[in-house]
N, C-alpha and C. Protein backbone atom coordinates (compact mmCIF):
# COMPACT_ATOMS: atom_id res chain seq x y z
N MET A 1 -44.62 7.23 31.12
CA MET A 1 -44.59 6.49 32.34
C MET A 1 -45.37 5.22 32.26
N LEU A 2 -44.99 4.04 32.92
CA LEU A 2 -44.97 2.71 32.26
C LEU A 2 -45.98 2.32 33.70
N ASN A 3 -47.01 1.30 33.17
CA ASN A 3 -47.71 0.70 34.23
C ASN A 3 -47.06 -0.58 34.26
N GLY A 4 -46.31 -1.08 35.00
CA GLY A 4 -45.58 -2.34 34.93
C GLY A 4 -46.58 -3.28 35.31
N ALA A 5 -48.06 -3.39 35.68
CA ALA A 5 -48.72 -4.42 35.96
C ALA A 5 -49.34 -5.00 34.87
N ASN A 6 -49.09 -3.95 33.80
CA ASN A 6 -49.93 -4.15 32.27
C ASN A 6 -49.17 -4.30 31.39
N TRP A 7 -47.62 -3.69 31.48
CA TRP A 7 -46.77 -3.57 30.63
C TRP A 7 -47.24 -2.79 29.23
N VAL A 8 -47.69 -1.55 29.39
CA VAL A 8 -48.58 -0.80 28.63
C VAL A 8 -47.84 0.97 28.65
N LEU A 9 -47.66 1.29 27.57
CA LEU A 9 -46.90 2.36 27.65
C LEU A 9 -47.86 3.48 27.36
N MET A 10 -47.32 4.51 28.41
CA MET A 10 -48.50 5.40 28.68
C MET A 10 -48.31 6.73 28.03
N GLY A 11 -49.25 7.39 27.41
CA GLY A 11 -49.12 8.67 26.65
C GLY A 11 -48.84 9.82 27.57
N HIS A 12 -48.94 11.15 27.18
CA HIS A 12 -48.98 12.01 27.79
C HIS A 12 -50.14 12.28 28.91
N GLU A 13 -51.15 12.00 28.44
CA GLU A 13 -52.53 12.10 29.16
C GLU A 13 -52.82 11.10 29.90
N GLY A 14 -51.76 10.27 30.19
CA GLY A 14 -52.11 8.86 31.16
C GLY A 14 -52.81 7.85 30.08
N LYS A 15 -53.35 8.05 28.97
CA LYS A 15 -53.94 6.87 28.31
C LYS A 15 -52.67 5.90 27.74
N ALA A 16 -53.11 4.86 26.96
CA ALA A 16 -52.47 3.92 26.49
C ALA A 16 -52.23 4.90 25.10
N ALA A 17 -50.98 4.84 24.56
CA ALA A 17 -50.41 5.46 23.51
C ALA A 17 -50.84 4.87 22.26
N GLN A 18 -51.47 5.51 21.47
CA GLN A 18 -52.13 4.86 20.29
C GLN A 18 -51.06 4.38 18.99
N ARG A 19 -51.23 2.95 18.53
CA ARG A 19 -50.19 2.43 17.74
C ARG A 19 -50.99 2.51 16.45
N LYS A 20 -50.23 2.67 15.31
CA LYS A 20 -50.45 2.35 14.19
C LYS A 20 -50.18 1.05 13.68
N ILE A 21 -51.22 0.18 13.14
CA ILE A 21 -50.67 -1.45 12.89
C ILE A 21 -51.44 -1.53 11.58
N LEU A 22 -50.35 -2.14 10.50
CA LEU A 22 -51.14 -2.72 9.13
C LEU A 22 -50.92 -4.08 9.36
N ILE A 23 -52.14 -4.72 9.14
CA ILE A 23 -52.30 -6.36 9.29
C ILE A 23 -52.37 -6.55 7.66
N VAL A 24 -51.44 -7.87 7.47
CA VAL A 24 -51.15 -8.28 6.07
C VAL A 24 -51.47 -9.81 6.18
N ASP A 25 -52.60 -10.33 5.69
CA ASP A 25 -52.89 -11.47 5.39
C ASP A 25 -53.91 -11.91 4.27
N ASP A 26 -54.04 -12.70 3.49
CA ASP A 26 -55.14 -13.19 2.23
C ASP A 26 -56.16 -13.68 2.63
N GLN A 27 -56.68 -13.86 4.04
CA GLN A 27 -57.54 -14.55 4.61
C GLN A 27 -58.21 -13.58 5.50
N ALA A 28 -59.30 -13.00 5.09
CA ALA A 28 -60.25 -11.86 5.88
C ALA A 28 -60.21 -12.40 7.52
N ALA A 29 -60.52 -13.52 7.49
CA ALA A 29 -61.33 -14.17 8.91
C ALA A 29 -59.77 -13.89 9.66
N MET A 30 -58.70 -14.61 8.90
CA MET A 30 -57.46 -14.34 10.17
C MET A 30 -56.90 -12.79 10.44
N ARG A 31 -57.17 -12.14 9.25
CA ARG A 31 -56.81 -10.81 9.48
C ARG A 31 -57.80 -10.13 10.85
N THR A 32 -58.95 -10.52 11.04
CA THR A 32 -59.75 -10.30 12.04
C THR A 32 -59.51 -10.60 12.95
N LEU A 33 -59.18 -12.25 13.13
CA LEU A 33 -58.40 -12.64 14.63
C LEU A 33 -57.22 -12.11 14.91
N ILE A 34 -56.23 -11.66 13.97
CA ILE A 34 -55.27 -11.24 14.46
C ILE A 34 -55.42 -9.57 15.00
N ARG A 35 -56.45 -8.70 14.58
CA ARG A 35 -56.70 -7.79 14.74
C ARG A 35 -57.27 -7.57 16.40
N ARG A 36 -58.16 -8.96 16.75
CA ARG A 36 -58.75 -8.77 17.93
C ARG A 36 -57.74 -9.26 19.13
N VAL A 37 -56.77 -10.06 18.65
CA VAL A 37 -55.76 -10.65 19.53
C VAL A 37 -54.51 -9.66 19.80
N CYS A 38 -54.10 -9.02 18.50
CA CYS A 38 -52.97 -8.20 18.68
C CYS A 38 -53.01 -6.81 18.95
N THR A 39 -54.12 -6.23 18.68
CA THR A 39 -54.39 -4.91 18.88
C THR A 39 -55.28 -4.63 20.20
N ARG A 40 -55.40 -3.44 20.48
CA ARG A 40 -55.83 -2.56 21.77
C ARG A 40 -56.86 -1.75 21.24
N LYS A 41 -57.67 -1.45 21.99
CA LYS A 41 -58.75 -0.33 22.00
C LYS A 41 -57.97 1.02 21.57
N GLY A 42 -58.06 1.80 20.67
CA GLY A 42 -57.56 2.76 20.64
C GLY A 42 -56.63 2.85 19.56
N ASP A 43 -56.02 1.60 19.08
CA ASP A 43 -54.96 1.52 18.21
C ASP A 43 -55.83 1.62 16.58
N ASP A 44 -54.93 2.28 15.58
CA ASP A 44 -55.08 2.59 14.09
C ASP A 44 -54.57 1.58 13.22
N VAL A 45 -55.58 0.66 13.04
CA VAL A 45 -55.27 -0.30 12.34
C VAL A 45 -56.09 -0.47 10.46
N VAL A 46 -54.99 -0.97 9.72
CA VAL A 46 -55.20 -1.07 8.68
C VAL A 46 -54.99 -2.18 8.44
N GLU A 47 -55.66 -2.83 7.21
CA GLU A 47 -55.58 -4.54 6.73
C GLU A 47 -55.16 -4.06 5.18
N CYS A 48 -54.58 -5.34 5.11
CA CYS A 48 -54.03 -5.57 3.49
C CYS A 48 -54.30 -7.12 3.33
N SER A 49 -54.70 -7.13 1.92
CA SER A 49 -54.68 -8.92 1.80
C SER A 49 -53.91 -9.32 0.86
N ASP A 50 -52.60 -8.58 0.75
CA ASP A 50 -51.49 -9.48 -0.16
C ASP A 50 -50.22 -8.28 0.10
N GLY A 51 -49.12 -8.99 -0.59
CA GLY A 51 -47.69 -8.03 -0.20
C GLY A 51 -47.88 -6.97 -1.16
N SER A 52 -48.33 -6.98 -2.34
CA SER A 52 -48.07 -5.76 -3.18
C SER A 52 -48.70 -4.43 -2.65
N GLU A 53 -50.08 -4.98 -2.23
CA GLU A 53 -50.83 -3.81 -1.29
C GLU A 53 -50.42 -3.43 0.00
N ALA A 54 -49.67 -4.23 0.86
CA ALA A 54 -48.93 -3.71 1.68
C ALA A 54 -47.60 -3.03 1.71
N VAL A 55 -47.02 -2.92 0.58
CA VAL A 55 -45.92 -2.26 0.27
C VAL A 55 -46.49 -0.62 -0.26
N ALA A 56 -47.41 -0.54 -0.77
CA ALA A 56 -48.15 0.35 -1.26
C ALA A 56 -48.95 0.99 0.12
N THR A 57 -49.47 0.57 0.86
CA THR A 57 -49.83 1.20 2.00
C THR A 57 -49.11 1.64 2.77
N TYR A 58 -47.73 0.82 2.98
CA TYR A 58 -47.11 1.48 4.15
C TYR A 58 -46.45 2.45 3.57
N ALA A 59 -46.17 2.95 2.70
CA ALA A 59 -45.48 4.20 1.88
C ALA A 59 -46.60 5.24 2.60
N SER A 60 -47.67 5.07 2.52
CA SER A 60 -48.79 6.26 2.69
C SER A 60 -48.98 6.14 4.25
N TYR A 61 -49.25 4.96 4.99
CA TYR A 61 -49.76 4.73 6.15
C TYR A 61 -48.55 5.21 7.35
N GLN A 62 -47.46 4.52 7.01
CA GLN A 62 -46.28 4.62 7.96
C GLN A 62 -46.50 4.36 9.30
N PRO A 63 -47.20 2.86 9.26
CA PRO A 63 -47.57 2.26 10.41
C PRO A 63 -46.20 1.87 11.76
N ASP A 64 -46.47 1.97 12.72
CA ASP A 64 -45.50 1.57 13.94
C ASP A 64 -45.44 0.17 13.60
N TRP A 65 -46.07 -0.83 13.47
CA TRP A 65 -45.94 -2.23 13.35
C TRP A 65 -46.43 -2.88 12.16
N VAL A 66 -45.93 -3.75 11.17
CA VAL A 66 -46.57 -4.69 10.27
C VAL A 66 -46.62 -5.93 10.63
N LEU A 67 -47.70 -6.49 10.83
CA LEU A 67 -48.02 -8.03 11.31
C LEU A 67 -48.27 -8.42 9.81
N MET A 68 -47.46 -9.44 9.28
CA MET A 68 -47.18 -9.90 7.92
C MET A 68 -47.40 -11.40 7.76
N ASP A 69 -48.42 -12.08 6.75
CA ASP A 69 -48.36 -13.49 6.66
C ASP A 69 -46.92 -13.60 5.71
N ILE A 70 -46.96 -14.94 5.53
CA ILE A 70 -45.78 -15.42 4.37
C ILE A 70 -46.54 -15.50 3.23
N ARG A 71 -47.24 -16.82 3.02
CA ARG A 71 -47.84 -17.39 2.01
C ARG A 71 -49.07 -16.34 1.37
N MET A 72 -49.06 -15.53 0.49
CA MET A 72 -49.89 -14.98 -0.20
C MET A 72 -49.95 -14.64 -1.54
N SER A 73 -51.01 -14.60 -2.37
CA SER A 73 -50.76 -14.49 -3.95
C SER A 73 -49.92 -13.25 -4.39
N GLY A 74 -49.32 -13.09 -5.57
CA GLY A 74 -48.72 -12.06 -5.92
C GLY A 74 -47.04 -11.88 -5.02
N ILE A 75 -47.19 -10.66 -4.55
CA ILE A 75 -45.63 -10.73 -3.47
C ILE A 75 -46.08 -11.55 -2.41
N ASP A 76 -45.26 -11.94 -2.18
CA ASP A 76 -45.29 -13.19 -0.72
C ASP A 76 -44.98 -12.11 0.31
N GLY A 77 -45.21 -12.34 1.49
CA GLY A 77 -44.83 -11.71 2.88
C GLY A 77 -43.16 -11.53 3.02
N LEU A 78 -42.40 -12.48 2.65
CA LEU A 78 -41.11 -12.36 2.41
C LEU A 78 -40.58 -10.63 1.31
N ARG A 79 -40.96 -10.99 0.34
CA ARG A 79 -40.60 -10.11 -0.86
C ARG A 79 -40.85 -8.78 -0.34
N ALA A 80 -42.52 -8.54 0.02
CA ALA A 80 -43.04 -7.37 0.99
C ALA A 80 -42.37 -6.81 1.99
N THR A 81 -41.67 -7.76 2.73
CA THR A 81 -40.84 -7.38 3.89
C THR A 81 -39.77 -6.67 3.34
N ALA A 82 -39.00 -7.29 2.70
CA ALA A 82 -37.66 -6.64 2.01
C ALA A 82 -38.24 -5.41 1.12
N GLN A 83 -39.16 -5.52 0.59
CA GLN A 83 -39.35 -4.10 -0.25
C GLN A 83 -39.63 -2.73 1.04
N ILE A 84 -40.56 -3.31 1.91
CA ILE A 84 -40.84 -1.95 3.00
C ILE A 84 -39.52 -1.85 3.61
N LYS A 85 -38.46 -2.98 4.01
CA LYS A 85 -37.26 -2.53 4.80
C LYS A 85 -36.48 -1.37 3.76
N LYS A 86 -36.53 -1.86 2.45
CA LYS A 86 -35.70 -1.13 1.49
C LYS A 86 -35.58 0.40 1.43
N THR A 87 -37.34 0.53 1.65
CA THR A 87 -37.29 1.87 1.75
C THR A 87 -37.52 2.44 2.87
N ASP A 88 -37.62 1.83 4.11
CA ASP A 88 -37.74 2.32 5.57
C ASP A 88 -36.98 1.30 6.18
N PRO A 89 -35.46 1.61 6.52
CA PRO A 89 -34.77 0.70 7.26
C PRO A 89 -35.27 0.49 8.75
N LYS A 90 -36.00 1.40 9.04
CA LYS A 90 -36.71 1.33 10.53
C LYS A 90 -37.93 0.59 10.55
N ALA A 91 -38.46 0.12 9.51
CA ALA A 91 -39.80 -0.49 9.70
C ALA A 91 -39.59 -1.71 10.39
N ARG A 92 -40.62 -1.68 11.25
CA ARG A 92 -40.78 -2.83 12.28
C ARG A 92 -41.86 -3.96 11.79
N VAL A 93 -41.42 -5.07 11.16
CA VAL A 93 -42.30 -6.15 10.55
C VAL A 93 -42.20 -7.19 11.35
N VAL A 94 -43.73 -7.97 11.92
CA VAL A 94 -43.37 -9.14 12.29
C VAL A 94 -44.30 -9.83 11.80
N ILE A 95 -43.65 -11.09 11.16
CA ILE A 95 -43.89 -12.06 10.87
C ILE A 95 -45.05 -13.09 11.53
N VAL A 96 -46.06 -13.07 11.10
CA VAL A 96 -47.28 -14.12 11.47
C VAL A 96 -47.77 -14.94 10.69
N THR A 97 -47.30 -16.25 10.75
CA THR A 97 -47.55 -17.36 9.64
C THR A 97 -48.02 -18.66 9.97
N GLN A 98 -48.43 -19.37 9.42
CA GLN A 98 -48.81 -21.20 9.60
C GLN A 98 -47.49 -21.78 9.41
N GLU A 99 -46.50 -21.26 8.77
CA GLU A 99 -45.36 -21.88 8.56
C GLU A 99 -44.68 -21.82 9.91
N THR A 100 -43.89 -23.21 9.86
CA THR A 100 -42.78 -23.33 10.94
C THR A 100 -41.45 -23.63 10.51
N ASP A 101 -41.44 -23.67 9.02
CA ASP A 101 -40.15 -24.14 8.67
C ASP A 101 -38.88 -23.08 8.84
N LYS A 102 -37.84 -23.86 9.62
CA LYS A 102 -36.84 -22.97 10.15
C LYS A 102 -35.89 -22.32 9.03
N TYR A 103 -36.09 -22.63 7.59
CA TYR A 103 -35.84 -22.06 6.62
C TYR A 103 -36.42 -20.56 6.24
N LEU A 104 -37.48 -20.74 6.36
CA LEU A 104 -38.58 -19.52 6.33
C LEU A 104 -38.17 -18.63 7.53
N GLN A 105 -37.87 -19.20 8.33
CA GLN A 105 -37.81 -18.04 9.81
C GLN A 105 -36.17 -17.28 9.66
N LYS A 106 -35.22 -18.15 8.98
CA LYS A 106 -33.92 -17.47 8.46
C LYS A 106 -34.43 -16.47 7.36
N ALA A 107 -35.19 -16.77 6.47
CA ALA A 107 -35.14 -16.11 5.28
C ALA A 107 -36.42 -14.68 5.86
N ALA A 108 -37.11 -14.79 6.95
CA ALA A 108 -37.50 -13.82 7.37
C ALA A 108 -36.45 -12.85 8.06
N THR A 109 -35.86 -13.35 8.88
CA THR A 109 -34.97 -12.48 9.43
C THR A 109 -33.97 -11.76 8.47
N GLN A 110 -33.50 -12.21 7.48
CA GLN A 110 -32.60 -11.64 6.37
C GLN A 110 -33.65 -10.68 5.54
N ALA A 111 -34.82 -10.89 5.66
CA ALA A 111 -35.85 -10.00 4.70
C ALA A 111 -35.72 -8.84 5.73
N GLY A 112 -35.50 -8.80 6.72
CA GLY A 112 -35.64 -7.55 7.76
C GLY A 112 -36.53 -7.81 8.91
N ALA A 113 -37.53 -8.68 9.01
CA ALA A 113 -38.09 -8.95 10.08
C ALA A 113 -37.76 -9.00 11.70
N VAL A 114 -38.56 -8.61 12.49
CA VAL A 114 -38.07 -8.34 13.46
C VAL A 114 -38.55 -9.54 14.32
N ALA A 115 -39.17 -9.97 13.89
CA ALA A 115 -39.87 -11.21 14.90
C ALA A 115 -40.53 -11.99 14.09
N PHE A 116 -40.70 -13.38 14.48
CA PHE A 116 -41.57 -14.40 13.70
C PHE A 116 -42.40 -15.51 14.52
N PHE A 117 -43.58 -15.44 14.32
CA PHE A 117 -44.60 -16.44 15.26
C PHE A 117 -45.60 -16.96 14.46
N ASN A 118 -45.65 -18.10 14.84
CA ASN A 118 -46.92 -19.02 14.36
C ASN A 118 -48.19 -18.30 14.71
N LYS A 119 -49.13 -18.49 13.81
CA LYS A 119 -50.45 -18.00 13.82
C LYS A 119 -51.06 -18.76 15.00
N GLU A 120 -50.74 -19.74 15.80
CA GLU A 120 -51.08 -20.82 17.08
C GLU A 120 -50.77 -20.10 17.89
N ASP A 121 -49.69 -18.85 18.14
CA ASP A 121 -49.06 -18.45 19.00
C ASP A 121 -49.72 -16.96 19.01
N LEU A 122 -50.60 -16.48 18.53
CA LEU A 122 -50.89 -15.05 18.31
C LEU A 122 -50.39 -14.36 19.68
N LEU A 123 -51.56 -14.94 20.99
CA LEU A 123 -51.16 -14.35 22.19
C LEU A 123 -49.47 -14.11 22.65
N GLN A 124 -48.68 -14.95 21.78
CA GLN A 124 -47.11 -14.56 22.25
C GLN A 124 -46.92 -13.71 21.42
N ALA A 125 -47.60 -13.22 20.07
CA ALA A 125 -47.20 -12.06 19.35
C ALA A 125 -47.64 -10.86 19.79
N SER A 126 -48.97 -11.04 20.61
CA SER A 126 -49.20 -9.84 21.27
C SER A 126 -48.38 -9.25 22.08
N ASP A 127 -48.19 -10.36 23.30
CA ASP A 127 -47.14 -10.08 24.21
C ASP A 127 -46.05 -9.16 23.96
N PHE A 128 -45.32 -9.68 22.90
CA PHE A 128 -44.31 -9.21 21.93
C PHE A 128 -44.48 -7.67 21.65
N LEU A 129 -45.53 -7.41 21.16
CA LEU A 129 -45.71 -6.14 20.76
C LEU A 129 -46.04 -5.10 21.92
N ILE A 130 -46.52 -5.43 22.67
CA ILE A 130 -46.59 -4.55 24.27
C ILE A 130 -45.26 -4.64 24.83
N ARG A 131 -44.43 -5.94 24.87
CA ARG A 131 -43.04 -5.84 25.40
C ARG A 131 -42.19 -4.98 24.74
N ALA A 132 -42.42 -4.69 23.39
CA ALA A 132 -41.40 -3.91 22.79
C ALA A 132 -41.75 -2.78 22.95
N GLU A 133 -42.76 -2.25 23.38
CA GLU A 133 -42.98 -0.73 23.66
C GLU A 133 -42.16 -0.16 25.20
N THR A 134 -41.71 -1.29 25.59
CA THR A 134 -41.10 -0.85 26.81
C THR A 134 -39.54 -0.31 26.66
N GLN A 135 -39.08 -0.89 25.49
CA GLN A 135 -37.65 -1.03 25.18
C GLN A 135 -37.20 0.17 24.36
N SER A 136 -35.89 0.67 24.48
CA SER A 136 -35.87 2.11 23.75
C SER A 136 -35.74 1.55 22.49
N VAL A 137 -36.13 2.78 21.28
CA VAL A 137 -36.16 2.52 20.03
C VAL A 137 -34.97 2.14 19.43
N THR A 138 -33.95 2.68 20.30
CA THR A 138 -32.40 2.33 19.53
C THR A 138 -32.16 0.97 19.94
N ASP A 139 -32.75 -0.01 20.41
CA ASP A 139 -33.01 -1.39 20.77
C ASP A 139 -33.27 -2.29 19.41
N TRP A 140 -33.68 -1.52 18.44
CA TRP A 140 -34.43 -2.34 17.45
C TRP A 140 -33.66 -2.23 15.89
N PRO A 141 -33.41 -3.30 15.45
CA PRO A 141 -32.68 -2.98 14.24
C PRO A 141 -33.07 -1.86 13.24
N GLY A 142 -31.98 -1.31 12.46
CA GLY A 142 -32.19 -0.12 11.99
C GLY A 142 -32.46 1.18 12.30
N HIS A 143 -32.71 1.38 14.06
CA HIS A 143 -32.43 2.38 14.76
C HIS A 143 -31.46 3.11 15.37
């Protein structure tokens, strides 16, 4: 059942359905900010500080959403996204980055990201996650 005023997908008991979210950013303060803005009470959130950790964590955690930075040491967010999508074509990765380059946006899409947001637009990223829950899973790439 949907609560149209709040765009919240409701679970069987009338409570907001719990989401599993993986946040990947090399800066702890930014992971905290993304958690505060893009998640809600009851979400199960795991954080990683680089792409290689994200790929390994994705395999065991199987999140509903991955919020991924691009610029990180080791495996960057684009390569991590591509690796995650290779193992799970249904993975939903949202790029959240300081980068605004159109080339990187295109590269993120080619890697398999379903959306791309600048870190200055975290409220838009949060709104995207909420709105996405109201759409059929068949509307998503790979489903």
